[in-house]
Amino acid sequence: MLRIFFLTLGIYLLYRFIFDFFIPVYRASKRVHRQFQDMQQNGYGSQDAGTTSTYASKNGSSSSSYSPPPSQKDYIDFEEIKD
């Protein structure tokens, strides 16, 4: 009788592990993997290359450097407040 109880308990715990932990983790990892593939196919990976070249051009590594002129609308007057 005790053997049947432990066998039933083991099957129940295995069932809970598979359906409450393993399957949701598997589905989430597949979803994340699919989202990464979609981002790569849509060209989001090419933006990284563009930011790298912009960074290189600001450091003088590239022969053609472009920096947009600062806008006066973006300037905020800063005054330090001392207590």
PDB file of N, CA and C in Angstrom:
ATOM      1  N   MET A   1       0.810  -1.187   0.000  1.00  0.00           N
ATOM      2  CA  MET A   1       0.000   0.000   0.000  1.00  0.00           C
ATOM      3  C   MET A   1       0.865   1.267   0.000  1.00  0.00           C
ATOM      4  N   LEU A   2       1.934   1.241   0.790  1.00  0.00           N
ATOM      5  CA  LEU A   2       2.845   2.379   0.861  1.00  0.00           C
ATOM      6  C   LEU A   2       3.566   2.588  -0.469  1.00  0.00           C
ATOM      7  N   ARG A   3       3.861   1.478  -1.131  1.00  0.00           N
ATOM      8  CA  ARG A   3       4.542   1.547  -2.429  1.00  0.00           C
ATOM      9  C   ARG A   3       3.644   2.231  -3.470  1.00  0.00           C
ATOM     10  N   ILE A   4       2.368   1.943  -3.473  1.00  0.00           N
ATOM     11  CA  ILE A   4       1.429   2.560  -4.410  1.00  0.00           C
ATOM     12  C   ILE A   4       1.296   4.057  -4.122  1.00  0.00           C
ATOM     13  N   PHE A   5       1.314   4.414  -2.833  1.00  0.00           N
ATOM     14  CA  PHE A   5       1.231   5.826  -2.457  1.00  0.00           C
ATOM     15  C   PHE A   5       2.431   6.604  -2.996  1.00  0.00           C
ATOM     16  N   PHE A   6       3.640   6.091  -2.794  1.00  0.00           N
ATOM     17  CA  PHE A   6       4.844   6.788  -3.262  1.00  0.00           C
ATOM     18  C   PHE A   6       4.926   6.810  -4.787  1.00  0.00           C
ATOM     19  N   LEU A   7       4.472   5.744  -5.420  1.00  0.00           N
ATOM     20  CA  LEU A   7       4.451   5.715  -6.873  1.00  0.00           C
ATOM     21  C   LEU A   7       3.478   6.769  -7.415  1.00  0.00           C
ATOM     22  N   THR A   8       2.307   6.867  -6.795  1.00  0.00           N
ATOM     23  CA  THR A   8       1.319   7.871  -7.197  1.00  0.00           C
ATOM     24  C   THR A   8       1.854   9.280  -6.932  1.00  0.00           C
ATOM     25  N   LEU A   9       2.505   9.482  -5.801  1.00  0.00           N
ATOM     26  CA  LEU A   9       3.093  10.783  -5.478  1.00  0.00           C
ATOM     27  C   LEU A   9       4.187  11.152  -6.475  1.00  0.00           C
ATOM     28  N   GLY A  10       5.012  10.198  -6.838  1.00  0.00           N
ATOM     29  CA  GLY A  10       6.076  10.446  -7.821  1.00  0.00           C
ATOM     30  C   GLY A  10       5.518  10.797  -9.185  1.00  0.00           C
ATOM     31  N   ILE A  11       4.488  10.078  -9.616  1.00  0.00           N
ATOM     32  CA  ILE A  11       3.867  10.374 -10.911  1.00  0.00           C
ATOM     33  C   ILE A  11       3.230  11.756 -10.887  1.00  0.00           C
ATOM     34  N   TYR A  12       2.582  12.096  -9.771  1.00  0.00           N
ATOM     35  CA  TYR A  12       1.959  13.419  -9.644  1.00  0.00           C
ATOM     36  C   TYR A  12       3.014  14.524  -9.696  1.00  0.00           C
ATOM     37  N   LEU A  13       4.133  14.367  -8.982  1.00  0.00           N
ATOM     38  CA  LEU A  13       5.196  15.378  -8.991  1.00  0.00           C
ATOM     39  C   LEU A  13       5.839  15.494 -10.368  1.00  0.00           C
ATOM     40  N   LEU A  14       6.011  14.370 -11.042  1.00  0.00           N
ATOM     41  CA  LEU A  14       6.547  14.401 -12.395  1.00  0.00           C
ATOM     42  C   LEU A  14       5.598  15.118 -13.342  1.00  0.00           C
ATOM     43  N   TYR A  15       4.310  14.853 -13.199  1.00  0.00           N
ATOM     44  CA  TYR A  15       3.295  15.523 -14.002  1.00  0.00           C
ATOM     45  C   TYR A  15       3.336  17.026 -13.771  1.00  0.00           C
ATOM     46  N   ARG A  16       3.389  17.446 -12.494  1.00  0.00           N
ATOM     47  CA  ARG A  16       3.429  18.879 -12.177  1.00  0.00           C
ATOM     48  C   ARG A  16       4.698  19.523 -12.724  1.00  0.00           C
ATOM     49  N   PHE A  17       5.834  18.844 -12.633  1.00  0.00           N
ATOM     50  CA  PHE A  17       7.089  19.382 -13.147  1.00  0.00           C
ATOM     51  C   PHE A  17       7.007  19.585 -14.657  1.00  0.00           C
ATOM     52  N   ILE A  18       6.495  18.596 -15.357  1.00  0.00           N
ATOM     53  CA  ILE A  18       6.439  18.689 -16.813  1.00  0.00           C
ATOM     54  C   ILE A  18       5.473  19.775 -17.258  1.00  0.00           C
ATOM     55  N   PHE A  19       4.265  19.798 -16.720  1.00  0.00           N
ATOM     56  CA  PHE A  19       3.245  20.715 -17.224  1.00  0.00           C
ATOM     57  C   PHE A  19       3.286  22.104 -16.593  1.00  0.00           C
ATOM     58  N   ASP A  20       3.883  22.254 -15.413  1.00  0.00           N
ATOM     59  CA  ASP A  20       3.953  23.567 -14.779  1.00  0.00           C
ATOM     60  C   ASP A  20       5.306  24.245 -14.947  1.00  0.00           C
ATOM     61  N   PHE A  21       6.344  23.511 -15.295  1.00  0.00           N
ATOM     62  CA  PHE A  21       7.673  24.108 -15.424  1.00  0.00           C
ATOM     63  C   PHE A  21       8.285  23.878 -16.795  1.00  0.00           C
ATOM     64  N   PHE A  22       8.409  22.637 -17.191  1.00  0.00           N
ATOM     65  CA  PHE A  22       9.156  22.306 -18.403  1.00  0.00           C
ATOM     66  C   PHE A  22       8.495  22.839 -19.671  1.00  0.00           C
ATOM     67  N   ILE A  23       7.225  22.603 -19.840  1.00  0.00           N
ATOM     68  CA  ILE A  23       6.534  23.052 -21.060  1.00  0.00           C
ATOM     69  C   ILE A  23       6.479  24.579 -21.163  1.00  0.00           C
ATOM     70  N   PRO A  24       6.143  25.332 -20.079  1.00  0.00           N
ATOM     71  CA  PRO A  24       6.168  26.795 -20.202  1.00  0.00           C
ATOM     72  C   PRO A  24       7.562  27.359 -20.506  1.00  0.00           C
ATOM     73  N   VAL A  25       8.596  26.783 -19.914  1.00  0.00           N
ATOM     74  CA  VAL A  25       9.953  27.245 -20.199  1.00  0.00           C
ATOM     75  C   VAL A  25      10.314  26.951 -21.646  1.00  0.00           C
ATOM     76  N   TYR A  26       9.948  25.795 -22.133  1.00  0.00           N
ATOM     77  CA  TYR A  26      10.217  25.428 -23.521  1.00  0.00           C
ATOM     78  C   TYR A  26       9.500  26.375 -24.476  1.00  0.00           C
ATOM     79  N   ARG A  27       8.227  26.664 -24.205  1.00  0.00           N
ATOM     80  CA  ARG A  27       7.464  27.571 -25.075  1.00  0.00           C
ATOM     81  C   ARG A  27       8.046  28.985 -25.058  1.00  0.00           C
ATOM     82  N   ALA A  28       8.449  29.452 -23.884  1.00  0.00           N
ATOM     83  CA  ALA A  28       9.020  30.796 -23.777  1.00  0.00           C
ATOM     84  C   ALA A  28      10.341  30.882 -24.535  1.00  0.00           C
ATOM     85  N   SER A  29      11.158  29.861 -24.433  1.00  0.00           N
ATOM     86  CA  SER A  29      12.440  29.896 -25.139  1.00  0.00           C
ATOM     87  C   SER A  29      12.227  29.842 -26.650  1.00  0.00           C
ATOM     88  N   LYS A  30      11.253  29.078 -27.101  1.00  0.00           N
ATOM     89  CA  LYS A  30      10.951  29.044 -28.537  1.00  0.00           C
ATOM     90  C   LYS A  30      10.444  30.409 -29.010  1.00  0.00           C
ATOM     91  N   ARG A  31       9.602  31.076 -28.195  1.00  0.00           N
ATOM     92  CA  ARG A  31       9.058  32.373 -28.548  1.00  0.00           C
ATOM     93  C   ARG A  31      10.175  33.426 -28.639  1.00  0.00           C
ATOM     94  N   VAL A  32      11.096  33.402 -27.677  1.00  0.00           N
ATOM     95  CA  VAL A  32      12.213  34.355 -27.695  1.00  0.00           C
ATOM     96  C   VAL A  32      13.105  34.091 -28.902  1.00  0.00           C
ATOM     97  N   HIS A  33      13.368  32.837 -29.185  1.00  0.00           N
ATOM     98  CA  HIS A  33      14.195  32.487 -30.341  1.00  0.00           C
ATOM     99  C   HIS A  33      13.531  32.965 -31.634  1.00  0.00           C
ATOM    100  N   ARG A  34      12.220  32.786 -31.745  1.00  0.00           N
ATOM    101  CA  ARG A  34      11.479  33.223 -32.934  1.00  0.00           C
ATOM    102  C   ARG A  34      11.514  34.755 -33.052  1.00  0.00           C
ATOM    103  N   GLN A  35      11.413  35.462 -31.928  1.00  0.00           N
ATOM    104  CA  GLN A  35      11.466  36.923 -31.962  1.00  0.00           C
ATOM    105  C   GLN A  35      12.832  37.413 -32.407  1.00  0.00           C
ATOM    106  N   PHE A  36      13.899  36.758 -31.965  1.00  0.00           N
ATOM    107  CA  PHE A  36      15.240  37.135 -32.413  1.00  0.00           C
ATOM    108  C   PHE A  36      15.395  36.906 -33.916  1.00  0.00           C
ATOM    109  N   GLN A  37      14.868  35.809 -34.404  1.00  0.00           N
ATOM    110  CA  GLN A  37      14.936  35.552 -35.839  1.00  0.00           C
ATOM    111  C   GLN A  37      14.147  36.586 -36.621  1.00  0.00           C
ATOM    112  N   ASP A  38      12.967  36.966 -36.119  1.00  0.00           N
ATOM    113  CA  ASP A  38      12.159  37.987 -36.787  1.00  0.00           C
ATOM    114  C   ASP A  38      12.885  39.324 -36.810  1.00  0.00           C
ATOM    115  N   MET A  39      13.540  39.672 -35.717  1.00  0.00           N
ATOM    116  CA  MET A  39      14.273  40.941 -35.683  1.00  0.00           C
ATOM    117  C   MET A  39      15.426  40.929 -36.678  1.00  0.00           C
ATOM    118  N   GLN A  40      16.126  39.824 -36.789  1.00  0.00           N
ATOM    119  CA  GLN A  40      17.230  39.736 -37.730  1.00  0.00           C
ATOM    120  C   GLN A  40      16.726  39.809 -39.167  1.00  0.00           C
ATOM    121  N   GLN A  41      15.586  39.191 -39.452  1.00  0.00           N
ATOM    122  CA  GLN A  41      15.040  39.213 -40.798  1.00  0.00           C
ATOM    123  C   GLN A  41      14.497  40.585 -41.157  1.00  0.00           C
ATOM    124  N   ASN A  42      13.980  41.326 -40.189  1.00  0.00           N
ATOM    125  CA  ASN A  42      13.422  42.639 -40.461  1.00  0.00           C
ATOM    126  C   ASN A  42      14.479  43.723 -40.568  1.00  0.00           C
ATOM    127  N   GLY A  43      15.729  43.413 -40.335  1.00  0.00           N
ATOM    128  CA  GLY A  43      16.792  44.382 -40.531  1.00  0.00           C
ATOM    129  C   GLY A  43      17.209  45.126 -39.285  1.00  0.00           C
ATOM    130  N   TYR A  44      16.785  44.676 -38.118  1.00  0.00           N
ATOM    131  CA  TYR A  44      17.220  45.356 -36.915  1.00  0.00           C
ATOM    132  C   TYR A  44      18.700  45.145 -36.663  1.00  0.00           C
ATOM    133  N   GLY A  45      19.255  44.072 -37.150  1.00  0.00           N
ATOM    134  CA  GLY A  45      20.685  43.828 -37.011  1.00  0.00           C
ATOM    135  C   GLY A  45      21.509  44.813 -37.812  1.00  0.00           C
ATOM    136  N   SER A  46      20.962  45.351 -38.914  1.00  0.00           N
ATOM    137  CA  SER A  46      21.699  46.307 -39.718  1.00  0.00           C
ATOM    138  C   SER A  46      21.831  47.646 -39.012  1.00  0.00           C
ATOM    139  N   GLN A  47      20.949  47.948 -38.073  1.00  0.00           N
ATOM    140  CA  GLN A  47      21.067  49.192 -37.324  1.00  0.00           C
ATOM    141  C   GLN A  47      22.292  49.154 -36.430  1.00  0.00           C
ATOM    142  N   ASP A  48      22.640  47.995 -35.918  1.00  0.00           N
ATOM    143  CA  ASP A  48      23.840  47.896 -35.100  1.00  0.00           C
ATOM    144  C   ASP A  48      25.070  48.259 -35.906  1.00  0.00           C
ATOM    145  N   ALA A  49      25.122  47.836 -37.152  1.00  0.00           N
ATOM    146  CA  ALA A  49      26.250  48.166 -38.002  1.00  0.00           C
ATOM    147  C   ALA A  49      26.300  49.667 -38.246  1.00  0.00           C
ATOM    148  N   GLY A  50      25.165  50.303 -38.392  1.00  0.00           N
ATOM    149  CA  GLY A  50      25.128  51.742 -38.608  1.00  0.00           C
ATOM    150  C   GLY A  50      25.593  52.515 -37.390  1.00  0.00           C
ATOM    151  N   THR A  51      25.244  52.067 -36.200  1.00  0.00           N
ATOM    152  CA  THR A  51      25.693  52.764 -35.003  1.00  0.00           C
ATOM    153  C   THR A  51      27.180  52.555 -34.791  1.00  0.00           C
ATOM    154  N   THR A  52      27.699  51.409 -35.183  1.00  0.00           N
ATOM    155  CA  THR A  52      29.121  51.166 -35.053  1.00  0.00           C
ATOM    156  C   THR A  52      29.898  52.093 -35.976  1.00  0.00           C
ATOM    157  N   SER A  53      29.418  52.261 -37.211  1.00  0.00           N
ATOM    158  CA  SER A  53      30.130  53.144 -38.127  1.00  0.00           C
ATOM    159  C   SER A  53      30.016  54.595 -37.678  1.00  0.00           C
ATOM    160  N   THR A  54      28.902  54.981 -37.076  1.00  0.00           N
ATOM    161  CA  THR A  54      28.761  56.335 -36.567  1.00  0.00           C
ATOM    162  C   THR A  54      29.728  56.548 -35.421  1.00  0.00           C
ATOM    163  N   TYR A  55      29.866  55.561 -34.557  1.00  0.00           N
ATOM    164  CA  TYR A  55      30.792  55.660 -33.442  1.00  0.00           C
ATOM    165  C   TYR A  55      32.224  55.759 -33.950  1.00  0.00           C
ATOM    166  N   ALA A  56      32.551  54.971 -34.961  1.00  0.00           N
ATOM    167  CA  ALA A  56      33.895  55.007 -35.520  1.00  0.00           C
ATOM    168  C   ALA A  56      34.176  56.355 -36.177  1.00  0.00           C
ATOM    169  N   SER A  57      33.175  56.923 -36.825  1.00  0.00           N
ATOM    170  CA  SER A  57      33.407  58.204 -37.488  1.00  0.00           C
ATOM    171  C   SER A  57      33.581  59.321 -36.473  1.00  0.00           C
ATOM    172  N   LYS A  58      32.944  59.242 -35.325  1.00  0.00           N
ATOM    173  CA  LYS A  58      33.114  60.271 -34.299  1.00  0.00           C
ATOM    174  C   LYS A  58      34.497  60.196 -33.676  1.00  0.00           C
ATOM    175  N   ASN A  59      35.073  59.013 -33.653  1.00  0.00           N
ATOM    176  CA  ASN A  59      36.408  58.855 -33.095  1.00  0.00           C
ATOM    177  C   ASN A  59      37.500  59.133 -34.108  1.00  0.00           C
ATOM    178  N   GLY A  60      37.142  59.449 -35.317  1.00  0.00           N
ATOM    179  CA  GLY A  60      38.134  59.767 -36.329  1.00  0.00           C
ATOM    180  C   GLY A  60      38.647  58.562 -37.063  1.00  0.00           C
ATOM    181  N   SER A  61      38.055  57.410 -36.894  1.00  0.00           N
ATOM    182  CA  SER A  61      38.520  56.207 -37.563  1.00  0.00           C
ATOM    183  C   SER A  61      38.100  56.182 -39.022  1.00  0.00           C
ATOM    184  N   SER A  62      37.051  56.890 -39.356  1.00  0.00           N
ATOM    185  CA  SER A  62      36.542  56.878 -40.708  1.00  0.00           C
ATOM    186  C   SER A  62      36.941  58.170 -41.406  1.00  0.00           C
ATOM    187  N   SER A  63      37.108  58.102 -42.719  1.00  0.00           N
ATOM    188  CA  SER A  63      37.529  59.291 -43.463  1.00  0.00           C
ATOM    189  C   SER A  63      36.398  60.289 -43.627  1.00  0.00           C
ATOM    190  N   SER A  64      35.161  59.817 -43.719  1.00  0.00           N
ATOM    191  CA  SER A  64      34.037  60.733 -43.873  1.00  0.00           C
ATOM    192  C   SER A  64      33.271  60.790 -42.564  1.00  0.00           C
ATOM    193  N   SER A  65      33.414  61.904 -41.859  1.00  0.00           N
ATOM    194  CA  SER A  65      32.711  62.042 -40.590  1.00  0.00           C
ATOM    195  C   SER A  65      31.619  63.079 -40.734  1.00  0.00           C
ATOM    196  N   TYR A  66      30.470  62.754 -40.238  1.00  0.00           N
ATOM    197  CA  TYR A  66      29.332  63.655 -40.301  1.00  0.00           C
ATOM    198  C   TYR A  66      28.799  63.834 -38.895  1.00  0.00           C
ATOM    199  N   SER A  67      28.709  65.055 -38.459  1.00  0.00           N
ATOM    200  CA  SER A  67      28.074  65.338 -37.182  1.00  0.00           C
ATOM    201  C   SER A  67      27.072  66.461 -37.415  1.00  0.00           C
ATOM    202  N   PRO A  68      25.826  66.236 -37.057  1.00  0.00           N
ATOM    203  CA  PRO A  68      24.817  67.258 -37.291  1.00  0.00           C
ATOM    204  C   PRO A  68      25.076  68.480 -36.423  1.00  0.00           C
ATOM    205  N   PRO A  69      24.774  69.665 -36.930  1.00  0.00           N
ATOM    206  CA  PRO A  69      25.009  70.868 -36.133  1.00  0.00           C
ATOM    207  C   PRO A  69      24.071  70.902 -34.934  1.00  0.00           C
ATOM    208  N   PRO A  70      24.566  71.404 -33.807  1.00  0.00           N
ATOM    209  CA  PRO A  70      23.695  71.455 -32.630  1.00  0.00           C
ATOM    210  C   PRO A  70      22.555  72.442 -32.838  1.00  0.00           C
ATOM    211  N   SER A  71      21.404  72.073 -32.359  1.00  0.00           N
ATOM    212  CA  SER A  71      20.231  72.910 -32.509  1.00  0.00           C
ATOM    213  C   SER A  71      20.069  73.804 -31.291  1.00  0.00           C
ATOM    214  N   GLN A  72      19.666  75.030 -31.509  1.00  0.00           N
ATOM    215  CA  GLN A  72      19.455  75.947 -30.402  1.00  0.00           C
ATOM    216  C   GLN A  72      18.219  75.569 -29.600  1.00  0.00           C
ATOM    217  N   LYS A  73      17.281  74.860 -30.211  1.00  0.00           N
ATOM    218  CA  LYS A  73      16.077  74.439 -29.503  1.00  0.00           C
ATOM    219  C   LYS A  73      16.393  73.391 -28.441  1.00  0.00           C
ATOM    220  N   ASP A  74      17.472  72.639 -28.635  1.00  0.00           N
ATOM    221  CA  ASP A  74      17.824  71.586 -27.700  1.00  0.00           C
ATOM    222  C   ASP A  74      18.580  72.116 -26.487  1.00  0.00           C
ATOM    223  N   TYR A  75      19.024  73.358 -26.523  1.00  0.00           N
ATOM    224  CA  TYR A  75      19.836  73.902 -25.450  1.00  0.00           C
ATOM    225  C   TYR A  75      18.955  74.293 -24.273  1.00  0.00           C
ATOM    226  N   ILE A  76      19.341  73.860 -23.076  1.00  0.00           N
ATOM    227  CA  ILE A  76      18.639  74.218 -21.854  1.00  0.00           C
ATOM    228  C   ILE A  76      19.637  74.935 -20.963  1.00  0.00           C
ATOM    229  N   ASP A  77      19.308  76.137 -20.532  1.00  0.00           N
ATOM    230  CA  ASP A  77      20.199  76.906 -19.675  1.00  0.00           C
ATOM    231  C   ASP A  77      20.270  76.223 -18.313  1.00  0.00           C
ATOM    232  N   PHE A  78      21.471  75.992 -17.841  1.00  0.00           N
ATOM    233  CA  PHE A  78      21.675  75.281 -16.579  1.00  0.00           C
ATOM    234  C   PHE A  78      22.250  76.231 -15.563  1.00  0.00           C
ATOM    235  N   GLU A  79      21.654  76.276 -14.399  1.00  0.00           N
ATOM    236  CA  GLU A  79      22.146  77.107 -13.317  1.00  0.00           C
ATOM    237  C   GLU A  79      22.266  76.233 -12.099  1.00  0.00           C
ATOM    238  N   GLU A  80      23.442  76.227 -11.507  1.00  0.00           N
ATOM    239  CA  GLU A  80      23.672  75.392 -10.342  1.00  0.00           C
ATOM    240  C   GLU A  80      23.061  76.053  -9.119  1.00  0.00           C
ATOM    241  N   ILE A  81      22.360  75.272  -8.333  1.00  0.00           N
ATOM    242  CA  ILE A  81      21.713  75.783  -7.132  1.00  0.00           C
ATOM    243  C   ILE A  81      22.465  75.236  -5.942  1.00  0.00           C
ATOM    244  N   LYS A  82      22.977  76.132  -5.094  1.00  0.00           N
ATOM    245  CA  LYS A  82      23.719  75.732  -3.907  1.00  0.00           C
ATOM    246  C   LYS A  82      22.865  75.973  -2.680  1.00  0.00           C
ATOM    247  N   ASP A  83      22.908  75.027  -1.772  1.00  0.00           N
ATOM    248  CA  ASP A  83      22.144  75.190  -0.524  1.00  0.00           C
ATOM    249  C   ASP A  83      22.948  75.907   0.513  1.00  0.00           C
TER     250      ASP A  83
END
